[in-house]
């Protein structure tokens, strides 16, 4: 997360334009806000529509049309960034602190368990979310983050083991938990409850640890990213709804997540050929489907020009609008 002298923002994606960072406002100073840090109250901004509305009203200078992504994004000049909150560094500080509150202690314990069970280094684990910026409440979620492909899969495997146990610190979401999660996300999503339960009930990157909600984000290491800004050009060609088979789910746990698809049928929207993948920068679309499964998805159809490999194809990008979804067919 990054922080200017006025707002705190979530960094989005791994590819950013020169001297700017793609990010969206997460916390904004508000006298009536329920979060407090030092002497300042903050309000947490949830839905994308609310984030855009706030930016348009109060920080229009950050809304920029980006020709590479063919979209108006929030791009913060690096010169405006007062503080870069680093998840790994935050966890290191928590490990050496003798003054952690109950939620911070639980977050640290969760990280310790994952590190030990998955045999990863401390440099591969951090803490994100409200704890990272000191704006958590006793009822906040715990949001660990893991870096590096191999480390991520090790932690994912460890979580599968923990959640398969009938008794233990980790628990899958019960139906009531999923209903609460659905009610929260339905403000920014159009999936029906039955479809929601089919996908969300089997995810291991979310659940409860010692009765506190957790969501673990898996991110590739910087050295694993071979794309620089401008290497790939994205062109918006409209909204499409497709039915497809998942051909490769090896990138499904990461943020951003990617699903390679086959046997694609365009149900609505531009009749494009060579739609090769479904992608999203939003964690809610991770672990959404497994290889071999049939899905129906709706999102922004993009024409992708990969200048590195001199190839072109189409992809479906999810998460920009509440009408976007991906469900099992």
C-alpha atoms as a PDB file:
ATOM      1  CA  UNK A   1       0.000   0.000   0.000  1.00  0.00           C
ATOM      2  CA  UNK A   2       1.081   3.579  -0.582  1.00  0.00           C
ATOM      3  CA  UNK A   3       0.166   6.740   1.249  1.00  0.00           C
ATOM      4  CA  UNK A   4       0.069  10.356   0.145  1.00  0.00           C
ATOM      5  CA  UNK A   5      -0.298  13.278   2.527  1.00  0.00           C
ATOM      6  CA  UNK A   6      -4.080  12.750   2.346  1.00  0.00           C
ATOM      7  CA  UNK A   7      -5.127   9.204   1.418  1.00  0.00           C
ATOM      8  CA  UNK A   8      -4.009   5.576   1.652  1.00  0.00           C
ATOM      9  CA  UNK A   9      -4.217   3.435  -1.477  1.00  0.00           C
ATOM     10  CA  UNK A  10      -4.009  -0.240  -2.503  1.00  0.00           C
ATOM     11  CA  UNK A  11      -1.382  -0.887  -5.157  1.00  0.00           C
ATOM     12  CA  UNK A  12      -2.856  -2.813  -8.098  1.00  0.00           C
ATOM     13  CA  UNK A  13      -0.928  -5.181 -10.327  1.00  0.00           C
ATOM     14  CA  UNK A  14       2.767  -5.678 -10.978  1.00  0.00           C
ATOM     15  CA  UNK A  15       3.211  -3.464 -14.046  1.00  0.00           C
ATOM     16  CA  UNK A  16       3.208   0.316 -13.613  1.00  0.00           C
ATOM     17  CA  UNK A  17       3.965   3.290 -15.868  1.00  0.00           C
ATOM     18  CA  UNK A  18       7.237   5.191 -15.399  1.00  0.00           C
ATOM     19  CA  UNK A  19       7.193   7.422 -12.322  1.00  0.00           C
ATOM     20  CA  UNK A  20       3.596   6.489 -11.442  1.00  0.00           C
ATOM     21  CA  UNK A  21       1.906   3.755  -9.432  1.00  0.00           C
ATOM     22  CA  UNK A  22      -1.456   2.218 -10.298  1.00  0.00           C
ATOM     23  CA  UNK A  23      -3.434   2.185  -7.050  1.00  0.00           C
ATOM     24  CA  UNK A  24      -6.942   2.800  -5.720  1.00  0.00           C
ATOM     25  CA  UNK A  25      -7.973   4.704  -2.621  1.00  0.00           C
ATOM     26  CA  UNK A  26      -8.682   2.471   0.389  1.00  0.00           C
ATOM     27  CA  UNK A  27      -8.707   4.804   3.385  1.00  0.00           C
ATOM     28  CA  UNK A  28      -9.620   8.468   3.443  1.00  0.00           C
ATOM     29  CA  UNK A  29      -9.569  10.941   6.370  1.00  0.00           C
ATOM     30  CA  UNK A  30     -13.101  11.470   7.684  1.00  0.00           C
ATOM     31  CA  UNK A  31     -14.173  12.984  10.989  1.00  0.00           C
ATOM     32  CA  UNK A  32     -16.969  10.400  11.157  1.00  0.00           C
ATOM     33  CA  UNK A  33     -14.709   7.511  10.155  1.00  0.00           C
ATOM     34  CA  UNK A  34     -14.633   4.435  12.395  1.00  0.00           C
ATOM     35  CA  UNK A  35     -10.893   3.785  11.995  1.00  0.00           C
ATOM     36  CA  UNK A  36      -8.397   5.890  13.905  1.00  0.00           C
ATOM     37  CA  UNK A  37      -4.647   6.288  13.683  1.00  0.00           C
ATOM     38  CA  UNK A  38      -2.899   8.756  15.943  1.00  0.00           C
ATOM     39  CA  UNK A  39      -5.371  11.651  16.055  1.00  0.00           C
ATOM     40  CA  UNK A  40      -6.926  11.151  12.625  1.00  0.00           C
ATOM     41  CA  UNK A  41     -10.140   9.292  11.834  1.00  0.00           C
ATOM     42  CA  UNK A  42     -10.359   7.385   8.557  1.00  0.00           C
ATOM     43  CA  UNK A  43     -13.143   5.895   6.497  1.00  0.00           C
ATOM     44  CA  UNK A  44     -12.598   2.654   4.612  1.00  0.00           C
ATOM     45  CA  UNK A  45     -13.719   2.821   0.991  1.00  0.00           C
ATOM     46  CA  UNK A  46     -15.005  -0.507  -0.277  1.00  0.00           C
ATOM     47  CA  UNK A  47     -16.559  -0.771  -3.750  1.00  0.00           C
ATOM     48  CA  UNK A  48     -14.837   0.279  -6.963  1.00  0.00           C
ATOM     49  CA  UNK A  49     -17.699   2.620  -7.815  1.00  0.00           C
ATOM     50  CA  UNK A  50     -17.280   4.399  -4.485  1.00  0.00           C
ATOM     51  CA  UNK A  51     -13.525   4.634  -5.024  1.00  0.00           C
ATOM     52  CA  UNK A  52     -13.963   6.197  -8.461  1.00  0.00           C
ATOM     53  CA  UNK A  53     -16.597   8.619  -7.119  1.00  0.00           C
ATOM     54  CA  UNK A  54     -14.272   9.763  -4.343  1.00  0.00           C
ATOM     55  CA  UNK A  55     -11.379  10.217  -6.742  1.00  0.00           C
ATOM     56  CA  UNK A  56     -13.500  12.182  -9.201  1.00  0.00           C
ATOM     57  CA  UNK A  57     -14.705  14.487  -6.438  1.00  0.00           C
ATOM     58  CA  UNK A  58     -11.579  14.988  -4.359  1.00  0.00           C
ATOM     59  CA  UNK A  59      -8.546  13.730  -6.303  1.00  0.00           C
ATOM     60  CA  UNK A  60      -9.321  14.054 -10.022  1.00  0.00           C
ATOM     61  CA  UNK A  61      -5.626  14.634 -10.752  1.00  0.00           C
ATOM     62  CA  UNK A  62      -5.019  10.933 -10.062  1.00  0.00           C
ATOM     63  CA  UNK A  63      -7.533   9.705 -12.661  1.00  0.00           C
ATOM     64  CA  UNK A  64      -5.548   9.235 -15.860  1.00  0.00           C
ATOM     65  CA  UNK A  65      -6.351   7.656 -19.189  1.00  0.00           C
ATOM     66  CA  UNK A  66      -3.653   5.048 -19.698  1.00  0.00           C
ATOM     67  CA  UNK A  67      -3.016   4.228 -23.372  1.00  0.00           C
ATOM     68  CA  UNK A  68      -1.316   0.908 -22.584  1.00  0.00           C
ATOM     69  CA  UNK A  69      -4.267  -0.445 -20.585  1.00  0.00           C
ATOM     70  CA  UNK A  70      -6.851   1.546 -22.617  1.00  0.00           C
ATOM     71  CA  UNK A  71      -8.617   2.541 -19.420  1.00  0.00           C
ATOM     72  CA  UNK A  72      -8.946   5.432 -17.013  1.00  0.00           C
ATOM     73  CA  UNK A  73      -7.023   4.371 -13.916  1.00  0.00           C
ATOM     74  CA  UNK A  74      -5.933   5.886 -10.640  1.00  0.00           C
ATOM     75  CA  UNK A  75      -2.228   6.532 -11.161  1.00  0.00           C
ATOM     76  CA  UNK A  76      -0.370   8.303  -8.384  1.00  0.00           C
ATOM     77  CA  UNK A  77       2.830  10.162  -9.283  1.00  0.00           C
ATOM     78  CA  UNK A  78       5.674   8.639  -7.285  1.00  0.00           C
ATOM     79  CA  UNK A  79       6.575  12.152  -6.162  1.00  0.00           C
ATOM     80  CA  UNK A  80       3.253  12.274  -4.263  1.00  0.00           C
ATOM     81  CA  UNK A  81       3.955   9.073  -2.316  1.00  0.00           C
ATOM     82  CA  UNK A  82       4.848   9.960   1.265  1.00  0.00           C
ATOM     83  CA  UNK A  83       5.061   6.401   2.513  1.00  0.00           C
ATOM     84  CA  UNK A  84       5.356   2.951   0.967  1.00  0.00           C
ATOM     85  CA  UNK A  85       3.968   0.371   3.389  1.00  0.00           C
ATOM     86  CA  UNK A  86       5.824  -2.897   2.811  1.00  0.00           C
ATOM     87  CA  UNK A  87       4.142  -6.127   4.041  1.00  0.00           C
ATOM     88  CA  UNK A  88       7.381  -8.059   4.722  1.00  0.00           C
ATOM     89  CA  UNK A  89       8.920  -5.171   6.626  1.00  0.00           C
ATOM     90  CA  UNK A  90       5.737  -4.739   8.683  1.00  0.00           C
ATOM     91  CA  UNK A  91       5.791  -8.387   9.706  1.00  0.00           C
ATOM     92  CA  UNK A  92       9.458  -8.098  10.647  1.00  0.00           C
ATOM     93  CA  UNK A  93       8.593  -5.166  12.903  1.00  0.00           C
ATOM     94  CA  UNK A  94       5.775  -7.155  14.491  1.00  0.00           C
ATOM     95  CA  UNK A  95       8.121 -10.075  15.196  1.00  0.00           C
ATOM     96  CA  UNK A  96      10.407  -7.822  17.237  1.00  0.00           C
ATOM     97  CA  UNK A  97       7.638  -5.881  18.989  1.00  0.00           C
ATOM     98  CA  UNK A  98       6.612  -6.487  22.575  1.00  0.00           C
ATOM     99  CA  UNK A  99       3.500  -4.323  22.269  1.00  0.00           C
ATOM    100  CA  UNK A 100       1.201  -6.146  19.842  1.00  0.00           C
ATOM    101  CA  UNK A 101      -2.565  -6.034  20.284  1.00  0.00           C
ATOM    102  CA  UNK A 102      -4.727  -9.159  20.065  1.00  0.00           C
ATOM    103  CA  UNK A 103      -5.288  -9.030  16.298  1.00  0.00           C
ATOM    104  CA  UNK A 104      -1.636  -8.314  15.530  1.00  0.00           C
ATOM    105  CA  UNK A 105      -0.608 -11.228  17.741  1.00  0.00           C
ATOM    106  CA  UNK A 106      -3.002 -13.501  15.873  1.00  0.00           C
ATOM    107  CA  UNK A 107      -1.667 -12.312  12.506  1.00  0.00           C
ATOM    108  CA  UNK A 108       1.874 -13.011  13.652  1.00  0.00           C
ATOM    109  CA  UNK A 109       0.897 -16.456  14.907  1.00  0.00           C
ATOM    110  CA  UNK A 110      -0.741 -17.255  11.565  1.00  0.00           C
ATOM    111  CA  UNK A 111       2.421 -16.236   9.723  1.00  0.00           C
ATOM    112  CA  UNK A 112       4.547 -18.357  12.067  1.00  0.00           C
ATOM    113  CA  UNK A 113       2.375 -21.419  11.468  1.00  0.00           C
ATOM    114  CA  UNK A 114       2.474 -20.999   7.693  1.00  0.00           C
ATOM    115  CA  UNK A 115       6.223 -20.413   7.654  1.00  0.00           C
ATOM    116  CA  UNK A 116       6.913 -23.496   9.752  1.00  0.00           C
ATOM    117  CA  UNK A 117       4.523 -25.838   7.960  1.00  0.00           C
ATOM    118  CA  UNK A 118       5.421 -24.686   4.437  1.00  0.00           C
ATOM    119  CA  UNK A 119       9.166 -24.272   5.119  1.00  0.00           C
ATOM    120  CA  UNK A 120       9.454 -20.808   3.576  1.00  0.00           C
ATOM    121  CA  UNK A 121      11.662 -17.927   4.670  1.00  0.00           C
ATOM    122  CA  UNK A 122      10.521 -14.853   6.539  1.00  0.00           C
ATOM    123  CA  UNK A 123      11.394 -12.814   3.455  1.00  0.00           C
ATOM    124  CA  UNK A 124       8.548 -14.572   1.640  1.00  0.00           C
ATOM    125  CA  UNK A 125       5.744 -13.638   4.051  1.00  0.00           C
ATOM    126  CA  UNK A 126       4.216 -10.301   4.963  1.00  0.00           C
ATOM    127  CA  UNK A 127       1.045  -8.814   6.363  1.00  0.00           C
ATOM    128  CA  UNK A 128      -1.267  -6.571   4.356  1.00  0.00           C
ATOM    129  CA  UNK A 129      -4.679  -5.004   4.846  1.00  0.00           C
ATOM    130  CA  UNK A 130      -5.620  -2.753   7.735  1.00  0.00           C
ATOM    131  CA  UNK A 131      -2.874  -4.073  10.031  1.00  0.00           C
ATOM    132  CA  UNK A 132      -0.245  -2.942   7.530  1.00  0.00           C
ATOM    133  CA  UNK A 133      -1.261   0.708   7.880  1.00  0.00           C
ATOM    134  CA  UNK A 134      -2.281   0.656  11.542  1.00  0.00           C
ATOM    135  CA  UNK A 135      -6.006   1.080  10.887  1.00  0.00           C
ATOM    136  CA  UNK A 136      -7.356  -2.267  12.072  1.00  0.00           C
ATOM    137  CA  UNK A 137     -10.055  -2.828  14.647  1.00  0.00           C
ATOM    138  CA  UNK A 138     -10.525  -5.852  16.945  1.00  0.00           C
ATOM    139  CA  UNK A 139     -12.971  -7.189  14.338  1.00  0.00           C
ATOM    140  CA  UNK A 140     -10.757  -6.800  11.284  1.00  0.00           C
ATOM    141  CA  UNK A 141      -9.648  -9.674   9.071  1.00  0.00           C
ATOM    142  CA  UNK A 142      -6.090 -10.990   9.009  1.00  0.00           C
ATOM    143  CA  UNK A 143      -4.506 -10.582   5.569  1.00  0.00           C
ATOM    144  CA  UNK A 144      -1.163 -12.361   5.100  1.00  0.00           C
ATOM    145  CA  UNK A 145       0.638 -12.116   1.777  1.00  0.00           C
ATOM    146  CA  UNK A 146       3.088 -14.641   0.312  1.00  0.00           C
ATOM    147  CA  UNK A 147       5.679 -13.882  -2.390  1.00  0.00           C
ATOM    148  CA  UNK A 148       7.239 -16.169  -4.995  1.00  0.00           C
ATOM    149  CA  UNK A 149       5.643 -18.950  -7.035  1.00  0.00           C
ATOM    150  CA  UNK A 150       7.244 -21.860  -5.188  1.00  0.00           C
ATOM    151  CA  UNK A 151       6.588 -20.305  -1.779  1.00  0.00           C
ATOM    152  CA  UNK A 152       2.958 -19.636  -2.691  1.00  0.00           C
ATOM    153  CA  UNK A 153       2.281 -23.210  -3.710  1.00  0.00           C
ATOM    154  CA  UNK A 154       3.982 -24.523  -0.570  1.00  0.00           C
ATOM    155  CA  UNK A 155       1.769 -22.350   1.619  1.00  0.00           C
ATOM    156  CA  UNK A 156      -1.295 -23.274  -0.429  1.00  0.00           C
ATOM    157  CA  UNK A 157      -0.531 -26.968   0.097  1.00  0.00           C
ATOM    158  CA  UNK A 158      -0.076 -26.379   3.828  1.00  0.00           C
ATOM    159  CA  UNK A 159      -3.470 -24.670   3.994  1.00  0.00           C
ATOM    160  CA  UNK A 160      -5.119 -27.613   2.237  1.00  0.00           C
ATOM    161  CA  UNK A 161      -3.669 -29.865   4.922  1.00  0.00           C
ATOM    162  CA  UNK A 162      -4.826 -27.644   7.773  1.00  0.00           C
ATOM    163  CA  UNK A 163      -8.362 -27.312   6.406  1.00  0.00           C
ATOM    164  CA  UNK A 164      -8.700 -31.065   5.887  1.00  0.00           C
ATOM    165  CA  UNK A 165      -8.348 -31.611   9.637  1.00  0.00           C
ATOM    166  CA  UNK A 166     -11.613 -31.929  11.535  1.00  0.00           C
ATOM    167  CA  UNK A 167     -10.233 -29.990  14.468  1.00  0.00           C
ATOM    168  CA  UNK A 168      -7.567 -27.340  14.500  1.00  0.00           C
ATOM    169  CA  UNK A 169      -6.821 -23.647  14.267  1.00  0.00           C
ATOM    170  CA  UNK A 170      -7.961 -23.391  10.634  1.00  0.00           C
ATOM    171  CA  UNK A 171     -11.584 -23.772   9.543  1.00  0.00           C
ATOM    172  CA  UNK A 172     -13.361 -23.530   6.221  1.00  0.00           C
ATOM    173  CA  UNK A 173     -16.183 -21.055   5.972  1.00  0.00           C
ATOM    174  CA  UNK A 174     -19.522 -22.410   7.179  1.00  0.00           C
ATOM    175  CA  UNK A 175     -22.752 -21.594   5.313  1.00  0.00           C
ATOM    176  CA  UNK A 176     -23.445 -18.675   7.648  1.00  0.00           C
ATOM    177  CA  UNK A 177     -19.973 -17.248   7.016  1.00  0.00           C
ATOM    178  CA  UNK A 178     -20.510 -17.549   3.268  1.00  0.00           C
ATOM    179  CA  UNK A 179     -23.859 -15.770   3.562  1.00  0.00           C
ATOM    180  CA  UNK A 180     -22.163 -12.876   5.368  1.00  0.00           C
ATOM    181  CA  UNK A 181     -19.424 -12.790   2.721  1.00  0.00           C
ATOM    182  CA  UNK A 182     -22.026 -12.890  -0.051  1.00  0.00           C
ATOM    183  CA  UNK A 183     -24.017 -10.028   1.481  1.00  0.00           C
ATOM    184  CA  UNK A 184     -20.835  -7.955   1.656  1.00  0.00           C
ATOM    185  CA  UNK A 185     -19.666  -8.717  -1.894  1.00  0.00           C
ATOM    186  CA  UNK A 186     -23.119  -8.503  -3.485  1.00  0.00           C
ATOM    187  CA  UNK A 187     -22.802  -4.714  -3.377  1.00  0.00           C
ATOM    188  CA  UNK A 188     -19.981  -5.084  -5.892  1.00  0.00           C
ATOM    189  CA  UNK A 189     -20.864  -8.346  -7.656  1.00  0.00           C
ATOM    190  CA  UNK A 190     -23.775  -9.918  -9.541  1.00  0.00           C
ATOM    191  CA  UNK A 191     -23.298 -13.641  -8.814  1.00  0.00           C
ATOM    192  CA  UNK A 192     -26.257 -15.465  -7.234  1.00  0.00           C
ATOM    193  CA  UNK A 193     -25.882 -17.086  -3.823  1.00  0.00           C
ATOM    194  CA  UNK A 194     -26.009 -20.694  -5.040  1.00  0.00           C
ATOM    195  CA  UNK A 195     -23.218 -20.084  -7.566  1.00  0.00           C
ATOM    196  CA  UNK A 196     -21.289 -18.125  -4.960  1.00  0.00           C
ATOM    197  CA  UNK A 197     -21.385 -21.023  -2.480  1.00  0.00           C
ATOM    198  CA  UNK A 198     -20.254 -23.565  -5.116  1.00  0.00           C
ATOM    199  CA  UNK A 199     -17.013 -21.678  -5.714  1.00  0.00           C
ATOM    200  CA  UNK A 200     -16.280 -19.987  -2.402  1.00  0.00           C
ATOM    201  CA  UNK A 201     -16.861 -23.035  -0.189  1.00  0.00           C
ATOM    202  CA  UNK A 202     -13.835 -24.867  -1.600  1.00  0.00           C
ATOM    203  CA  UNK A 203     -11.284 -22.039  -1.524  1.00  0.00           C
ATOM    204  CA  UNK A 204      -8.365 -22.510   0.862  1.00  0.00           C
ATOM    205  CA  UNK A 205      -6.922 -18.996   0.672  1.00  0.00           C
ATOM    206  CA  UNK A 206      -9.800 -17.777   2.830  1.00  0.00           C
ATOM    207  CA  UNK A 207     -11.415 -19.052   6.001  1.00  0.00           C
ATOM    208  CA  UNK A 208     -11.005 -18.688   9.743  1.00  0.00           C
ATOM    209  CA  UNK A 209      -7.871 -18.904  11.854  1.00  0.00           C
ATOM    210  CA  UNK A 210      -8.555 -19.077  15.595  1.00  0.00           C
ATOM    211  CA  UNK A 211     -12.090 -17.834  14.782  1.00  0.00           C
ATOM    212  CA  UNK A 212     -10.826 -14.741  12.911  1.00  0.00           C
ATOM    213  CA  UNK A 213     -11.389 -14.347   9.173  1.00  0.00           C
ATOM    214  CA  UNK A 214      -8.290 -14.553   7.009  1.00  0.00           C
ATOM    215  CA  UNK A 215      -7.616 -13.947   3.327  1.00  0.00           C
ATOM    216  CA  UNK A 216      -4.184 -14.899   2.033  1.00  0.00           C
ATOM    217  CA  UNK A 217      -2.932 -13.188  -1.106  1.00  0.00           C
ATOM    218  CA  UNK A 218      -0.392 -14.989  -3.300  1.00  0.00           C
ATOM    219  CA  UNK A 219       1.879 -12.793  -5.416  1.00  0.00           C
ATOM    220  CA  UNK A 220       4.755 -13.662  -7.723  1.00  0.00           C
ATOM    221  CA  UNK A 221       8.186 -12.329  -6.867  1.00  0.00           C
ATOM    222  CA  UNK A 222       9.390  -9.257  -8.765  1.00  0.00           C
ATOM    223  CA  UNK A 223      12.205 -11.258 -10.371  1.00  0.00           C
ATOM    224  CA  UNK A 224       9.602 -13.607 -11.867  1.00  0.00           C
ATOM    225  CA  UNK A 225       7.860 -10.796 -13.755  1.00  0.00           C
ATOM    226  CA  UNK A 226       9.178 -10.402 -17.289  1.00  0.00           C
ATOM    227  CA  UNK A 227       6.654  -7.782 -18.430  1.00  0.00           C
ATOM    228  CA  UNK A 228       7.580  -4.099 -18.447  1.00  0.00           C
ATOM    229  CA  UNK A 229       5.136  -1.263 -18.985  1.00  0.00           C
ATOM    230  CA  UNK A 230       4.339  -1.054 -22.702  1.00  0.00           C
ATOM    231  CA  UNK A 231       5.537  -4.564 -23.589  1.00  0.00           C
ATOM    232  CA  UNK A 232       1.904  -5.615 -23.893  1.00  0.00           C
ATOM    233  CA  UNK A 233      -0.871  -3.395 -25.257  1.00  0.00           C
ATOM    234  CA  UNK A 234      -4.482  -3.898 -24.166  1.00  0.00           C
ATOM    235  CA  UNK A 235      -7.438  -2.612 -26.209  1.00  0.00           C
ATOM    236  CA  UNK A 236     -10.986  -2.527 -24.856  1.00  0.00           C
ATOM    237  CA  UNK A 237     -13.415  -4.050 -27.371  1.00  0.00           C
ATOM    238  CA  UNK A 238     -16.528  -4.154 -25.186  1.00  0.00           C
ATOM    239  CA  UNK A 239     -18.321  -6.330 -22.653  1.00  0.00           C
ATOM    240  CA  UNK A 240     -18.649 -10.029 -23.381  1.00  0.00           C
ATOM    241  CA  UNK A 241     -20.126 -13.110 -21.747  1.00  0.00           C
ATOM    242  CA  UNK A 242     -18.523 -16.428 -22.593  1.00  0.00           C
ATOM    243  CA  UNK A 243     -18.791 -20.109 -21.810  1.00  0.00           C
ATOM    244  CA  UNK A 244     -15.497 -21.966 -21.762  1.00  0.00           C
ATOM    245  CA  UNK A 245     -13.519 -24.881 -20.355  1.00  0.00           C
ATOM    246  CA  UNK A 246     -10.601 -24.240 -18.018  1.00  0.00           C
ATOM    247  CA  UNK A 247      -7.522 -25.578 -19.809  1.00  0.00           C
ATOM    248  CA  UNK A 248      -4.897 -24.438 -17.277  1.00  0.00           C
ATOM    249  CA  UNK A 249      -5.460 -23.260 -13.691  1.00  0.00           C
ATOM    250  CA  UNK A 250      -1.797 -23.031 -12.641  1.00  0.00           C
ATOM    251  CA  UNK A 251      -2.099 -19.231 -12.241  1.00  0.00           C
ATOM    252  CA  UNK A 252      -5.421 -19.356 -10.390  1.00  0.00           C
ATOM    253  CA  UNK A 253      -4.114 -18.655  -6.891  1.00  0.00           C
ATOM    254  CA  UNK A 254      -2.084 -15.577  -7.783  1.00  0.00           C
ATOM    255  CA  UNK A 255      -2.981 -11.909  -7.853  1.00  0.00           C
ATOM    256  CA  UNK A 256      -3.418 -11.158 -10.682  1.00  0.00           C
ATOM    257  CA  UNK A 257      -4.969 -14.530 -11.524  1.00  0.00           C
ATOM    258  CA  UNK A 258      -5.115 -16.043 -15.009  1.00  0.00           C
ATOM    259  CA  UNK A 259      -7.110 -19.000 -16.361  1.00  0.00           C
ATOM    260  CA  UNK A 260      -6.220 -20.389 -19.784  1.00  0.00           C
ATOM    261  CA  UNK A 261      -9.411 -21.447 -21.542  1.00  0.00           C
ATOM    262  CA  UNK A 262     -10.534 -23.615 -24.480  1.00  0.00           C
ATOM    263  CA  UNK A 263     -13.795 -24.513 -26.260  1.00  0.00           C
ATOM    264  CA  UNK A 264     -14.886 -20.894 -25.982  1.00  0.00           C
ATOM    265  CA  UNK A 265     -18.434 -19.865 -26.899  1.00  0.00           C
ATOM    266  CA  UNK A 266     -19.328 -16.171 -26.937  1.00  0.00           C
ATOM    267  CA  UNK A 267     -22.820 -15.956 -25.450  1.00  0.00           C
ATOM    268  CA  UNK A 268     -23.118 -12.165 -25.604  1.00  0.00           C
ATOM    269  CA  UNK A 269     -20.962  -9.340 -26.886  1.00  0.00           C
ATOM    270  CA  UNK A 270     -18.330  -9.056 -29.626  1.00  0.00           C
ATOM    271  CA  UNK A 271     -17.837 -12.329 -31.510  1.00  0.00           C
ATOM    272  CA  UNK A 272     -14.071 -12.422 -31.099  1.00  0.00           C
ATOM    273  CA  UNK A 273     -11.907 -15.380 -32.047  1.00  0.00           C
ATOM    274  CA  UNK A 274      -8.891 -16.614 -30.107  1.00  0.00           C
ATOM    275  CA  UNK A 275     -10.106 -15.721 -26.608  1.00  0.00           C
ATOM    276  CA  UNK A 276      -7.318 -17.451 -24.740  1.00  0.00           C
ATOM    277  CA  UNK A 277      -7.701 -16.491 -21.095  1.00  0.00           C
ATOM    278  CA  UNK A 278      -9.746 -15.055 -18.259  1.00  0.00           C
ATOM    279  CA  UNK A 279      -7.832 -12.718 -15.944  1.00  0.00           C
ATOM    280  CA  UNK A 280      -8.472 -10.531 -12.915  1.00  0.00           C
ATOM    281  CA  UNK A 281      -6.590  -8.239 -10.557  1.00  0.00           C
ATOM    282  CA  UNK A 282      -9.125  -8.851  -7.788  1.00  0.00           C
ATOM    283  CA  UNK A 283      -8.542 -11.523  -5.165  1.00  0.00           C
ATOM    284  CA  UNK A 284     -12.171 -12.615  -5.177  1.00  0.00           C
ATOM    285  CA  UNK A 285     -11.671 -14.265  -8.573  1.00  0.00           C
ATOM    286  CA  UNK A 286      -8.737 -16.412  -7.401  1.00  0.00           C
ATOM    287  CA  UNK A 287      -9.377 -20.170  -7.023  1.00  0.00           C
ATOM    288  CA  UNK A 288     -12.630 -19.686  -8.911  1.00  0.00           C
ATOM    289  CA  UNK A 289     -12.409 -22.795 -11.118  1.00  0.00           C
ATOM    290  CA  UNK A 290     -10.308 -25.906 -11.683  1.00  0.00           C
ATOM    291  CA  UNK A 291      -8.823 -27.358 -14.850  1.00  0.00           C
ATOM    292  CA  UNK A 292     -11.431 -29.272 -16.839  1.00  0.00           C
ATOM    293  CA  UNK A 293     -14.388 -27.393 -15.384  1.00  0.00           C
ATOM    294  CA  UNK A 294     -16.833 -25.440 -17.533  1.00  0.00           C
ATOM    295  CA  UNK A 295     -17.451 -21.808 -16.577  1.00  0.00           C
ATOM    296  CA  UNK A 296     -19.567 -18.860 -17.633  1.00  0.00           C
ATOM    297  CA  UNK A 297     -17.919 -15.468 -17.221  1.00  0.00           C
ATOM    298  CA  UNK A 298     -18.699 -11.870 -18.048  1.00  0.00           C
ATOM    299  CA  UNK A 299     -16.257  -8.988 -18.143  1.00  0.00           C
ATOM    300  CA  UNK A 300     -14.322  -6.611 -20.349  1.00  0.00           C
ATOM    301  CA  UNK A 301     -13.087  -8.184 -23.567  1.00  0.00           C
ATOM    302  CA  UNK A 302      -9.604  -6.990 -24.455  1.00  0.00           C
ATOM    303  CA  UNK A 303      -7.514  -7.362 -27.588  1.00  0.00           C
ATOM    304  CA  UNK A 304      -3.988  -8.124 -26.387  1.00  0.00           C
ATOM    305  CA  UNK A 305      -0.900  -7.332 -28.445  1.00  0.00           C
ATOM    306  CA  UNK A 306       2.223  -8.912 -26.983  1.00  0.00           C
ATOM    307  CA  UNK A 307       5.085  -6.999 -28.570  1.00  0.00           C
ATOM    308  CA  UNK A 308       7.681  -9.259 -26.952  1.00  0.00           C
ATOM    309  CA  UNK A 309       6.453 -12.348 -28.761  1.00  0.00           C
ATOM    310  CA  UNK A 310       4.819 -10.718 -31.805  1.00  0.00           C
ATOM    311  CA  UNK A 311       1.456 -12.310 -31.115  1.00  0.00           C
ATOM    312  CA  UNK A 312      -2.138 -11.177 -30.628  1.00  0.00           C
ATOM    313  CA  UNK A 313      -5.091 -12.700 -28.835  1.00  0.00           C
ATOM    314  CA  UNK A 314      -8.137 -11.802 -26.730  1.00  0.00           C
ATOM    315  CA  UNK A 315      -8.729 -12.080 -23.005  1.00  0.00           C
ATOM    316  CA  UNK A 316     -11.666 -11.495 -20.677  1.00  0.00           C
ATOM    317  CA  UNK A 317     -10.790  -9.194 -17.759  1.00  0.00           C
ATOM    318  CA  UNK A 318     -12.960  -9.475 -14.645  1.00  0.00           C
ATOM    319  CA  UNK A 319     -13.471  -7.116 -11.746  1.00  0.00           C
ATOM    320  CA  UNK A 320     -13.947  -3.650 -13.226  1.00  0.00           C
ATOM    321  CA  UNK A 321     -17.744  -3.630 -12.865  1.00  0.00           C
ATOM    322  CA  UNK A 322     -20.283  -5.129 -10.420  1.00  0.00           C
ATOM    323  CA  UNK A 323     -21.806  -6.966 -13.396  1.00  0.00           C
ATOM    324  CA  UNK A 324     -18.601  -8.996 -13.878  1.00  0.00           C
ATOM    325  CA  UNK A 325     -18.750 -12.616 -12.749  1.00  0.00           C
ATOM    326  CA  UNK A 326     -17.309 -16.081 -13.205  1.00  0.00           C
ATOM    327  CA  UNK A 327     -19.375 -19.094 -12.169  1.00  0.00           C
ATOM    328  CA  UNK A 328     -19.321 -22.823 -12.763  1.00  0.00           C
ATOM    329  CA  UNK A 329     -21.546 -23.718 -15.715  1.00  0.00           C
END
